[in-house]
Each structure stands twice: as structure tokens, then as C-alpha cells.
C-alpha atoms as a PDB file:
ATOM      1  CA  UNK A   1      45.150  -5.712  55.259  1.00  0.00           C
ATOM      2  CA  UNK A   2      44.267  -9.414  55.501  1.00  0.00           C
ATOM      3  CA  UNK A   3      40.918 -11.086  56.050  1.00  0.00           C
ATOM      4  CA  UNK A   4      39.457 -14.337  57.358  1.00  0.00           C
ATOM      5  CA  UNK A   5      36.107 -15.859  56.468  1.00  0.00           C
ATOM      6  CA  UNK A   6      34.343 -17.533  59.398  1.00  0.00           C
ATOM      7  CA  UNK A   7      31.552 -19.875  58.297  1.00  0.00           C
ATOM      8  CA  UNK A   8      29.501 -21.552  61.048  1.00  0.00           C
ATOM      9  CA  UNK A   9      27.849 -24.741  59.872  1.00  0.00           C
ATOM     10  CA  UNK A  10      25.432 -27.195  61.441  1.00  0.00           C
ATOM     11  CA  UNK A  11      24.159 -30.034  59.225  1.00  0.00           C
ATOM     12  CA  UNK A  12      24.753 -28.056  56.035  1.00  0.00           C
ATOM     13  CA  UNK A  13      25.904 -30.902  53.782  1.00  0.00           C
ATOM     14  CA  UNK A  14      23.467 -29.816  51.044  1.00  0.00           C
ATOM     15  CA  UNK A  15      24.642 -26.194  50.815  1.00  0.00           C
ATOM     16  CA  UNK A  16      28.114 -25.944  52.362  1.00  0.00           C
ATOM     17  CA  UNK A  17      29.840 -26.922  49.120  1.00  0.00           C
ATOM     18  CA  UNK A  18      28.197 -24.084  47.178  1.00  0.00           C
ATOM     19  CA  UNK A  19      29.103 -21.659  49.948  1.00  0.00           C
ATOM     20  CA  UNK A  20      32.763 -22.676  50.103  1.00  0.00           C
ATOM     21  CA  UNK A  21      33.105 -22.714  46.320  1.00  0.00           C
ATOM     22  CA  UNK A  22      31.767 -19.155  46.103  1.00  0.00           C
ATOM     23  CA  UNK A  23      34.214 -18.012  48.795  1.00  0.00           C
ATOM     24  CA  UNK A  24      37.210 -19.645  47.129  1.00  0.00           C
ATOM     25  CA  UNK A  25      36.241 -18.251  43.725  1.00  0.00           C
ATOM     26  CA  UNK A  26      35.964 -14.738  45.141  1.00  0.00           C
ATOM     27  CA  UNK A  27      39.283 -15.096  46.985  1.00  0.00           C
ATOM     28  CA  UNK A  28      41.003 -16.252  43.788  1.00  0.00           C
ATOM     29  CA  UNK A  29      39.489 -13.438  41.754  1.00  0.00           C
ATOM     30  CA  UNK A  30      40.401 -10.805  44.354  1.00  0.00           C
ATOM     31  CA  UNK A  31      43.987 -11.999  44.799  1.00  0.00           C
ATOM     32  CA  UNK A  32      44.187 -10.981  48.465  1.00  0.00           C
ATOM     33  CA  UNK A  33      45.515 -12.877  51.470  1.00  0.00           C
ATOM     34  CA  UNK A  34      42.439 -14.604  52.891  1.00  0.00           C
ATOM     35  CA  UNK A  35      41.935 -17.390  55.447  1.00  0.00           C
ATOM     36  CA  UNK A  36      38.840 -19.594  55.116  1.00  0.00           C
ATOM     37  CA  UNK A  37      37.529 -21.335  58.239  1.00  0.00           C
ATOM     38  CA  UNK A  38      34.427 -23.518  58.444  1.00  0.00           C
ATOM     39  CA  UNK A  39      33.220 -24.069  62.002  1.00  0.00           C
ATOM     40  CA  UNK A  40      31.616 -27.484  62.422  1.00  0.00           C
ATOM     41  CA  UNK A  41      29.041 -26.969  65.178  1.00  0.00           C
ATOM     42  CA  UNK A  42      28.244 -30.577  66.167  1.00  0.00           C
ATOM     43  CA  UNK A  43      27.014 -31.620  62.722  1.00  0.00           C
ATOM     44  CA  UNK A  44      25.726 -35.178  62.406  1.00  0.00           C
ATOM     45  CA  UNK A  45      25.973 -35.276  58.618  1.00  0.00           C
ATOM     46  CA  UNK A  46      28.858 -34.842  56.120  1.00  0.00           C
ATOM     47  CA  UNK A  47      29.250 -31.076  56.601  1.00  0.00           C
ATOM     48  CA  UNK A  48      32.797 -31.244  58.006  1.00  0.00           C
ATOM     49  CA  UNK A  49      33.911 -33.853  55.491  1.00  0.00           C
ATOM     50  CA  UNK A  50      32.659 -31.843  52.526  1.00  0.00           C
ATOM     51  CA  UNK A  51      34.181 -28.591  53.751  1.00  0.00           C
ATOM     52  CA  UNK A  52      37.546 -30.217  54.455  1.00  0.00           C
ATOM     53  CA  UNK A  53      37.689 -31.627  50.923  1.00  0.00           C
ATOM     54  CA  UNK A  54      38.384 -28.163  49.507  1.00  0.00           C
ATOM     55  CA  UNK A  55      42.072 -27.145  49.395  1.00  0.00           C
ATOM     56  CA  UNK A  56      42.729 -24.013  51.397  1.00  0.00           C
ATOM     57  CA  UNK A  57      39.813 -24.517  53.786  1.00  0.00           C
ATOM     58  CA  UNK A  58      40.331 -25.186  57.492  1.00  0.00           C
ATOM     59  CA  UNK A  59      37.649 -26.949  59.492  1.00  0.00           C
ATOM     60  CA  UNK A  60      37.522 -26.357  63.238  1.00  0.00           C
ATOM     61  CA  UNK A  61      35.118 -27.898  65.721  1.00  0.00           C
ATOM     62  CA  UNK A  62      33.019 -25.910  68.178  1.00  0.00           C
ATOM     63  CA  UNK A  63      31.303 -28.228  70.648  1.00  0.00           C
ATOM     64  CA  UNK A  64      29.137 -25.606  72.353  1.00  0.00           C
ATOM     65  CA  UNK A  65      25.950 -25.549  70.313  1.00  0.00           C
ATOM     66  CA  UNK A  66      24.688 -22.280  68.952  1.00  0.00           C
ATOM     67  CA  UNK A  67      25.333 -19.796  66.155  1.00  0.00           C
ATOM     68  CA  UNK A  68      27.115 -17.282  68.376  1.00  0.00           C
ATOM     69  CA  UNK A  69      29.321 -19.963  69.920  1.00  0.00           C
ATOM     70  CA  UNK A  70      30.252 -21.122  66.421  1.00  0.00           C
ATOM     71  CA  UNK A  71      31.083 -17.588  65.284  1.00  0.00           C
ATOM     72  CA  UNK A  72      33.205 -17.138  68.400  1.00  0.00           C
ATOM     73  CA  UNK A  73      34.985 -20.444  67.842  1.00  0.00           C
ATOM     74  CA  UNK A  74      35.884 -19.365  64.342  1.00  0.00           C
ATOM     75  CA  UNK A  75      36.984 -15.941  65.529  1.00  0.00           C
ATOM     76  CA  UNK A  76      39.319 -17.533  68.074  1.00  0.00           C
ATOM     77  CA  UNK A  77      40.786 -19.784  65.359  1.00  0.00           C
ATOM     78  CA  UNK A  78      41.802 -16.842  63.146  1.00  0.00           C
ATOM     79  CA  UNK A  79      44.232 -13.941  63.419  1.00  0.00           C
ATOM     80  CA  UNK A  80      43.319 -11.734  60.437  1.00  0.00           C
ATOM     81  CA  UNK A  81      42.722  -8.022  60.867  1.00  0.00           C
ATOM     82  CA  UNK A  82      39.307  -8.260  59.221  1.00  0.00           C
ATOM     83  CA  UNK A  83      36.828 -11.056  59.994  1.00  0.00           C
ATOM     84  CA  UNK A  84      34.056 -11.777  57.485  1.00  0.00           C
ATOM     85  CA  UNK A  85      31.102 -13.511  59.126  1.00  0.00           C
ATOM     86  CA  UNK A  86      28.882 -15.403  56.722  1.00  0.00           C
ATOM     87  CA  UNK A  87      26.709 -18.543  57.003  1.00  0.00           C
ATOM     88  CA  UNK A  88      26.774 -22.036  55.577  1.00  0.00           C
ATOM     89  CA  UNK A  89      23.838 -21.334  53.256  1.00  0.00           C
ATOM     90  CA  UNK A  90      25.231 -18.113  51.757  1.00  0.00           C
ATOM     91  CA  UNK A  91      26.828 -17.563  48.346  1.00  0.00           C
ATOM     92  CA  UNK A  92      29.392 -14.772  48.075  1.00  0.00           C
ATOM     93  CA  UNK A  93      28.771 -12.622  44.956  1.00  0.00           C
ATOM     94  CA  UNK A  94      31.514 -11.514  42.607  1.00  0.00           C
ATOM     95  CA  UNK A  95      33.035  -8.241  43.807  1.00  0.00           C
ATOM     96  CA  UNK A  96      32.016  -8.703  47.446  1.00  0.00           C
ATOM     97  CA  UNK A  97      35.614  -8.573  48.675  1.00  0.00           C
ATOM     98  CA  UNK A  98      36.343  -5.497  46.560  1.00  0.00           C
ATOM     99  CA  UNK A  99      33.583  -3.640  48.408  1.00  0.00           C
ATOM    100  CA  UNK A 100      34.862  -4.828  51.787  1.00  0.00           C
ATOM    101  CA  UNK A 101      38.480  -3.839  51.259  1.00  0.00           C
ATOM    102  CA  UNK A 102      37.666  -0.498  49.617  1.00  0.00           C
ATOM    103  CA  UNK A 103      35.366   0.519  52.493  1.00  0.00           C
ATOM    104  CA  UNK A 104      37.800  -0.415  55.271  1.00  0.00           C
ATOM    105  CA  UNK A 105      40.898   0.961  53.556  1.00  0.00           C
ATOM    106  CA  UNK A 106      39.390   4.387  52.989  1.00  0.00           C
ATOM    107  CA  UNK A 107      37.839   4.791  56.455  1.00  0.00           C
ATOM    108  CA  UNK A 108      40.016   4.106  59.474  1.00  0.00           C
ATOM    109  CA  UNK A 109      37.073   4.733  61.811  1.00  0.00           C
ATOM    110  CA  UNK A 110      34.963   2.016  60.174  1.00  0.00           C
ATOM    111  CA  UNK A 111      34.805  -0.980  62.526  1.00  0.00           C
ATOM    112  CA  UNK A 112      31.980  -2.974  60.938  1.00  0.00           C
ATOM    113  CA  UNK A 113      30.395  -3.220  57.493  1.00  0.00           C
ATOM    114  CA  UNK A 114      27.168  -5.004  56.635  1.00  0.00           C
ATOM    115  CA  UNK A 115      24.509  -5.217  53.956  1.00  0.00           C
ATOM    116  CA  UNK A 116      21.339  -7.037  52.906  1.00  0.00           C
ATOM    117  CA  UNK A 117      20.580 -10.550  51.785  1.00  0.00           C
ATOM    118  CA  UNK A 118      19.410 -11.496  48.307  1.00  0.00           C
ATOM    119  CA  UNK A 119      17.183 -14.560  48.682  1.00  0.00           C
ATOM    120  CA  UNK A 120      17.915 -16.393  45.448  1.00  0.00           C
ATOM    121  CA  UNK A 121      15.379 -19.221  45.943  1.00  0.00           C
ATOM    122  CA  UNK A 122      12.279 -17.257  47.041  1.00  0.00           C
ATOM    123  CA  UNK A 123       9.299 -16.434  44.853  1.00  0.00           C
ATOM    124  CA  UNK A 124       9.104 -13.048  43.135  1.00  0.00           C
ATOM    125  CA  UNK A 125       6.338 -11.968  45.544  1.00  0.00           C
ATOM    126  CA  UNK A 126       8.339 -12.919  48.635  1.00  0.00           C
ATOM    127  CA  UNK A 127      11.410 -11.161  47.278  1.00  0.00           C
ATOM    128  CA  UNK A 128       9.272  -8.038  46.835  1.00  0.00           C
ATOM    129  CA  UNK A 129       8.114  -8.270  50.463  1.00  0.00           C
ATOM    130  CA  UNK A 130      11.719  -8.654  51.584  1.00  0.00           C
ATOM    131  CA  UNK A 131      12.684  -5.530  49.628  1.00  0.00           C
ATOM    132  CA  UNK A 132      10.035  -3.587  51.563  1.00  0.00           C
ATOM    133  CA  UNK A 133      11.424  -4.941  54.817  1.00  0.00           C
ATOM    134  CA  UNK A 134      14.929  -3.814  53.856  1.00  0.00           C
ATOM    135  CA  UNK A 135      13.566  -0.358  53.107  1.00  0.00           C
ATOM    136  CA  UNK A 136      12.345  -0.243  56.701  1.00  0.00           C
ATOM    137  CA  UNK A 137      15.698  -1.632  57.825  1.00  0.00           C
ATOM    138  CA  UNK A 138      17.554   1.237  56.211  1.00  0.00           C
ATOM    139  CA  UNK A 139      15.197   3.743  57.845  1.00  0.00           C
ATOM    140  CA  UNK A 140      15.851   2.152  61.241  1.00  0.00           C
ATOM    141  CA  UNK A 141      19.585   2.231  60.525  1.00  0.00           C
ATOM    142  CA  UNK A 142      19.444   5.941  59.722  1.00  0.00           C
ATOM    143  CA  UNK A 143      17.443   6.784  62.847  1.00  0.00           C
ATOM    144  CA  UNK A 144      19.505   4.636  65.248  1.00  0.00           C
ATOM    145  CA  UNK A 145      22.885   5.518  63.798  1.00  0.00           C
ATOM    146  CA  UNK A 146      22.533   9.206  62.976  1.00  0.00           C
ATOM    147  CA  UNK A 147      19.675  10.531  65.139  1.00  0.00           C
ATOM    148  CA  UNK A 148      19.336   8.487  68.326  1.00  0.00           C
ATOM    149  CA  UNK A 149      22.950   7.256  68.263  1.00  0.00           C
ATOM    150  CA  UNK A 150      21.990   4.076  70.112  1.00  0.00           C
ATOM    151  CA  UNK A 151      23.429   1.559  67.682  1.00  0.00           C
ATOM    152  CA  UNK A 152      23.277   0.526  64.069  1.00  0.00           C
ATOM    153  CA  UNK A 153      22.116  -2.345  61.847  1.00  0.00           C
ATOM    154  CA  UNK A 154      24.025  -5.533  61.048  1.00  0.00           C
ATOM    155  CA  UNK A 155      22.749  -8.424  58.954  1.00  0.00           C
ATOM    156  CA  UNK A 156      23.773 -11.735  60.526  1.00  0.00           C
ATOM    157  CA  UNK A 157      25.574 -13.813  57.915  1.00  0.00           C
ATOM    158  CA  UNK A 158      26.786 -10.767  56.005  1.00  0.00           C
ATOM    159  CA  UNK A 159      29.038  -8.604  58.127  1.00  0.00           C
ATOM    160  CA  UNK A 160      32.732  -7.854  58.480  1.00  0.00           C
ATOM    161  CA  UNK A 161      34.438  -6.309  61.481  1.00  0.00           C
ATOM    162  CA  UNK A 162      37.917  -5.314  62.609  1.00  0.00           C
ATOM    163  CA  UNK A 163      39.428  -7.824  65.001  1.00  0.00           C
ATOM    164  CA  UNK A 164      40.900  -5.247  67.360  1.00  0.00           C
ATOM    165  CA  UNK A 165      37.590  -3.375  67.583  1.00  0.00           C
ATOM    166  CA  UNK A 166      35.671  -6.554  68.399  1.00  0.00           C
ATOM    167  CA  UNK A 167      38.159  -7.477  71.121  1.00  0.00           C
ATOM    168  CA  UNK A 168      37.819  -3.965  72.528  1.00  0.00           C
ATOM    169  CA  UNK A 169      34.023  -4.371  72.473  1.00  0.00           C
ATOM    170  CA  UNK A 170      34.294  -7.501  74.604  1.00  0.00           C
ATOM    171  CA  UNK A 171      33.842 -10.237  71.998  1.00  0.00           C
ATOM    172  CA  UNK A 172      30.869 -12.527  71.495  1.00  0.00           C
ATOM    173  CA  UNK A 173      28.163 -12.984  74.099  1.00  0.00           C
ATOM    174  CA  UNK A 174      27.635 -16.742  74.066  1.00  0.00           C
ATOM    175  CA  UNK A 175      24.478 -16.399  76.125  1.00  0.00           C
ATOM    176  CA  UNK A 176      22.814 -15.265  72.896  1.00  0.00           C
ATOM    177  CA  UNK A 177      22.148 -18.373  70.845  1.00  0.00           C
ATOM    178  CA  UNK A 178      20.496 -17.119  67.652  1.00  0.00           C
ATOM    179  CA  UNK A 179      18.090 -14.160  67.521  1.00  0.00           C
ATOM    180  CA  UNK A 180      19.655 -10.783  68.275  1.00  0.00           C
ATOM    181  CA  UNK A 181      23.270 -11.801  67.720  1.00  0.00           C
ATOM    182  CA  UNK A 182      23.731  -9.345  64.860  1.00  0.00           C
ATOM    183  CA  UNK A 183      22.106  -6.476  66.758  1.00  0.00           C
ATOM    184  CA  UNK A 184      24.357  -7.175  69.737  1.00  0.00           C
ATOM    185  CA  UNK A 185      27.335  -6.809  67.402  1.00  0.00           C
ATOM    186  CA  UNK A 186      25.937  -3.559  65.986  1.00  0.00           C
ATOM    187  CA  UNK A 187      25.199  -1.966  69.358  1.00  0.00           C
ATOM    188  CA  UNK A 188      28.509  -2.779  71.009  1.00  0.00           C
ATOM    189  CA  UNK A 189      30.705  -1.984  68.014  1.00  0.00           C
ATOM    190  CA  UNK A 190      28.906   1.357  67.572  1.00  0.00           C
ATOM    191  CA  UNK A 191      30.481   2.366  70.871  1.00  0.00           C
ATOM    192  CA  UNK A 192      33.936   1.688  69.397  1.00  0.00           C
ATOM    193  CA  UNK A 193      33.660   3.206  65.929  1.00  0.00           C
ATOM    194  CA  UNK A 194      31.537   3.463  62.822  1.00  0.00           C
ATOM    195  CA  UNK A 195      29.162   0.609  61.913  1.00  0.00           C
ATOM    196  CA  UNK A 196      27.974   1.035  58.340  1.00  0.00           C
ATOM    197  CA  UNK A 197      25.039  -0.571  56.535  1.00  0.00           C
ATOM    198  CA  UNK A 198      25.190  -0.380  52.729  1.00  0.00           C
ATOM    199  CA  UNK A 199      23.210  -1.858  49.858  1.00  0.00           C
ATOM    200  CA  UNK A 200      26.526  -2.198  48.013  1.00  0.00           C
ATOM    201  CA  UNK A 201      27.386  -5.225  50.164  1.00  0.00           C
ATOM    202  CA  UNK A 202      24.798  -7.773  49.045  1.00  0.00           C
ATOM    203  CA  UNK A 203      24.995 -11.446  49.981  1.00  0.00           C
ATOM    204  CA  UNK A 204      23.091 -14.281  48.297  1.00  0.00           C
ATOM    205  CA  UNK A 205      21.424 -16.732  50.652  1.00  0.00           C
ATOM    206  CA  UNK A 206      18.738 -19.361  50.893  1.00  0.00           C
ATOM    207  CA  UNK A 207      15.283 -18.157  51.862  1.00  0.00           C
ATOM    208  CA  UNK A 208      14.382 -21.496  53.446  1.00  0.00           C
ATOM    209  CA  UNK A 209      13.472 -19.980  56.835  1.00  0.00           C
ATOM    210  CA  UNK A 210      11.228 -17.344  55.284  1.00  0.00           C
ATOM    211  CA  UNK A 211       9.617 -19.965  53.060  1.00  0.00           C
ATOM    212  CA  UNK A 212       8.893 -22.263  56.010  1.00  0.00           C
ATOM    213  CA  UNK A 213       7.905 -19.699  58.660  1.00  0.00           C
ATOM    214  CA  UNK A 214       6.537 -16.985  56.387  1.00  0.00           C
ATOM    215  CA  UNK A 215       8.045 -13.605  55.522  1.00  0.00           C
ATOM    216  CA  UNK A 216       5.855 -11.598  57.913  1.00  0.00           C
ATOM    217  CA  UNK A 217       6.371 -13.909  60.887  1.00  0.00           C
ATOM    218  CA  UNK A 218      10.122 -14.062  60.332  1.00  0.00           C
ATOM    219  CA  UNK A 219      10.375 -10.289  59.876  1.00  0.00           C
ATOM    220  CA  UNK A 220       8.313  -9.684  63.015  1.00  0.00           C
ATOM    221  CA  UNK A 221      10.514 -12.001  65.082  1.00  0.00           C
ATOM    222  CA  UNK A 222      13.723 -10.366  63.909  1.00  0.00           C
ATOM    223  CA  UNK A 223      12.302  -6.864  64.401  1.00  0.00           C
ATOM    224  CA  UNK A 224      11.143  -7.674  67.929  1.00  0.00           C
ATOM    225  CA  UNK A 225      14.572  -8.970  68.888  1.00  0.00           C
ATOM    226  CA  UNK A 226      16.298  -6.039  67.194  1.00  0.00           C
ATOM    227  CA  UNK A 227      14.538  -3.561  69.473  1.00  0.00           C
ATOM    228  CA  UNK A 228      14.916  -5.722  72.575  1.00  0.00           C
ATOM    229  CA  UNK A 229      18.673  -6.062  72.133  1.00  0.00           C
ATOM    230  CA  UNK A 230      19.064  -2.392  71.181  1.00  0.00           C
ATOM    231  CA  UNK A 231      17.198  -1.016  74.190  1.00  0.00           C
ATOM    232  CA  UNK A 232      17.166  -3.869  76.744  1.00  0.00           C
ATOM    233  CA  UNK A 233      20.524  -5.484  75.969  1.00  0.00           C
ATOM    234  CA  UNK A 234      19.122  -8.994  75.450  1.00  0.00           C
ATOM    235  CA  UNK A 235      16.855 -10.814  72.961  1.00  0.00           C
ATOM    236  CA  UNK A 236      13.158 -11.455  73.613  1.00  0.00           C
ATOM    237  CA  UNK A 237      13.242 -14.821  71.823  1.00  0.00           C
ATOM    238  CA  UNK A 238      15.473 -17.536  73.217  1.00  0.00           C
ATOM    239  CA  UNK A 239      14.576 -20.515  71.033  1.00  0.00           C
ATOM    240  CA  UNK A 240      14.554 -21.058  67.285  1.00  0.00           C
ATOM    241  CA  UNK A 241      13.843 -23.777  64.754  1.00  0.00           C
ATOM    242  CA  UNK A 242      16.663 -25.323  62.755  1.00  0.00           C
ATOM    243  CA  UNK A 243      15.564 -25.135  59.136  1.00  0.00           C
ATOM    244  CA  UNK A 244      17.552 -27.305  56.740  1.00  0.00           C
ATOM    245  CA  UNK A 245      17.220 -28.689  53.212  1.00  0.00           C
ATOM    246  CA  UNK A 246      16.342 -32.363  53.046  1.00  0.00           C
ATOM    247  CA  UNK A 247      17.969 -33.065  49.684  1.00  0.00           C
END
């Protein structure tokens, strides 16, 4: 079973190096066959140059702007059975690939695996608030997946799916630009097989959006779009702010 990392990146010159280094370190430690693709989504800084400087990393260009378009561009550029979708500001923890391969190899019906973020640069108080939000997330996952059977929960930037299942589900909806993209994945893949959310699959990431917009506002926006995509098939929010580090 082989795997490809797809890493969309727009003006991520500050963080893309840390992301790629964490991926390559985890790939080396795991010893599996893994493809690493960074998708340059019209960056105007040194994102593509930095990513391409790492041996074993392929950089592909996706001209259509948007997170979903970038994920799709990376998906089309790979052939691996499993596709790991992370973001340019994430850091892959040690053992992440072990969890992925063990889950998929023991469950043939599993089509998607996801887990929470660990915001390494937020204050202790904000991290506590996020932990409460993820408690609610797990409750929603349980209700949607096991009781209502209308979908599941996927964390954008920390999910892995089977290529054949995603093709069967119809692939990415490029009309979705940002909010709701992960819920769209969860809902449509739930019709193909099992979509699992687990706290065993943690991903480190920057909390820059939560720090700038506020934890409650960000959580409310994501929750609103989660329910809209789950029950209406489309997000309620169609615009978003690009939040980037300045140094």
C-alpha cells in the first residue's frame, strides 16, 4: 500500500520548509513508499522555490485559485492508493504514518481517516477552548456517523482517503473554494465506505487564523458551514481571508 502527500501552498514561504521537513522526516522514519507533492497555487513569494529545494519533493502548479482546486491539482498529479491531504502550515508528528497505514490495512471498508489539529503556537487558554470545540466535534461525528447516518467529520489539512473511493465519489467540487471542503469530502465518501474520525491521528498546525479572527468566531464559521454542507450540499460562506505570517 503506497501513499502520496498532497500539500497545497499559497504564499507559504515562512512555513513550507518546516512542513516539508516534517513530512520527509516521517517518511524516512516509516520506511514506506511515499510520494510528496507540493501544489503551488499562484504564490507570489518563494514558496515553490523553497519546496523544490528539498530532494524527493515534486512541485506542481495549479493556476485555478482556491484550496479545493489546489487539492484537486495535487490529486491529479499523483497515482498512490492512499492520498494524505495536509496544508502548508502543518507539521506531521512522529508516528503519524504508522497510524494511517495500520488503520487502512486492518479495515478494507475504511475510505477516509481524519483527526484533530494541535495548534502549537496558540496560548494555553485558546488551546483549552479548542479542546472543548473538538469535544463537540466528536459528539457531532458520533451523531452524524452512527445515528443519523448523514455523513461524518473530516478535518481539512489532516485527512487521508483511498484514491479509488474518491474517484467513485466524484472527486473534488471546485465550486467550493475554502469553507466546507472537508465536510463535502466527509459526506460524499460516507456514501462509499467508512469515514473515521480519531484522536489518534493528530496533526500540528499554526493557529494563526484563530489568533487573528478569534477562536469563537472561527469555530462558529466552520460549524455553520459544516451543517450547511451536510444538509444543504453547499457552504453558507463563500469568501475567506488569507491569513499568512509576515516574517
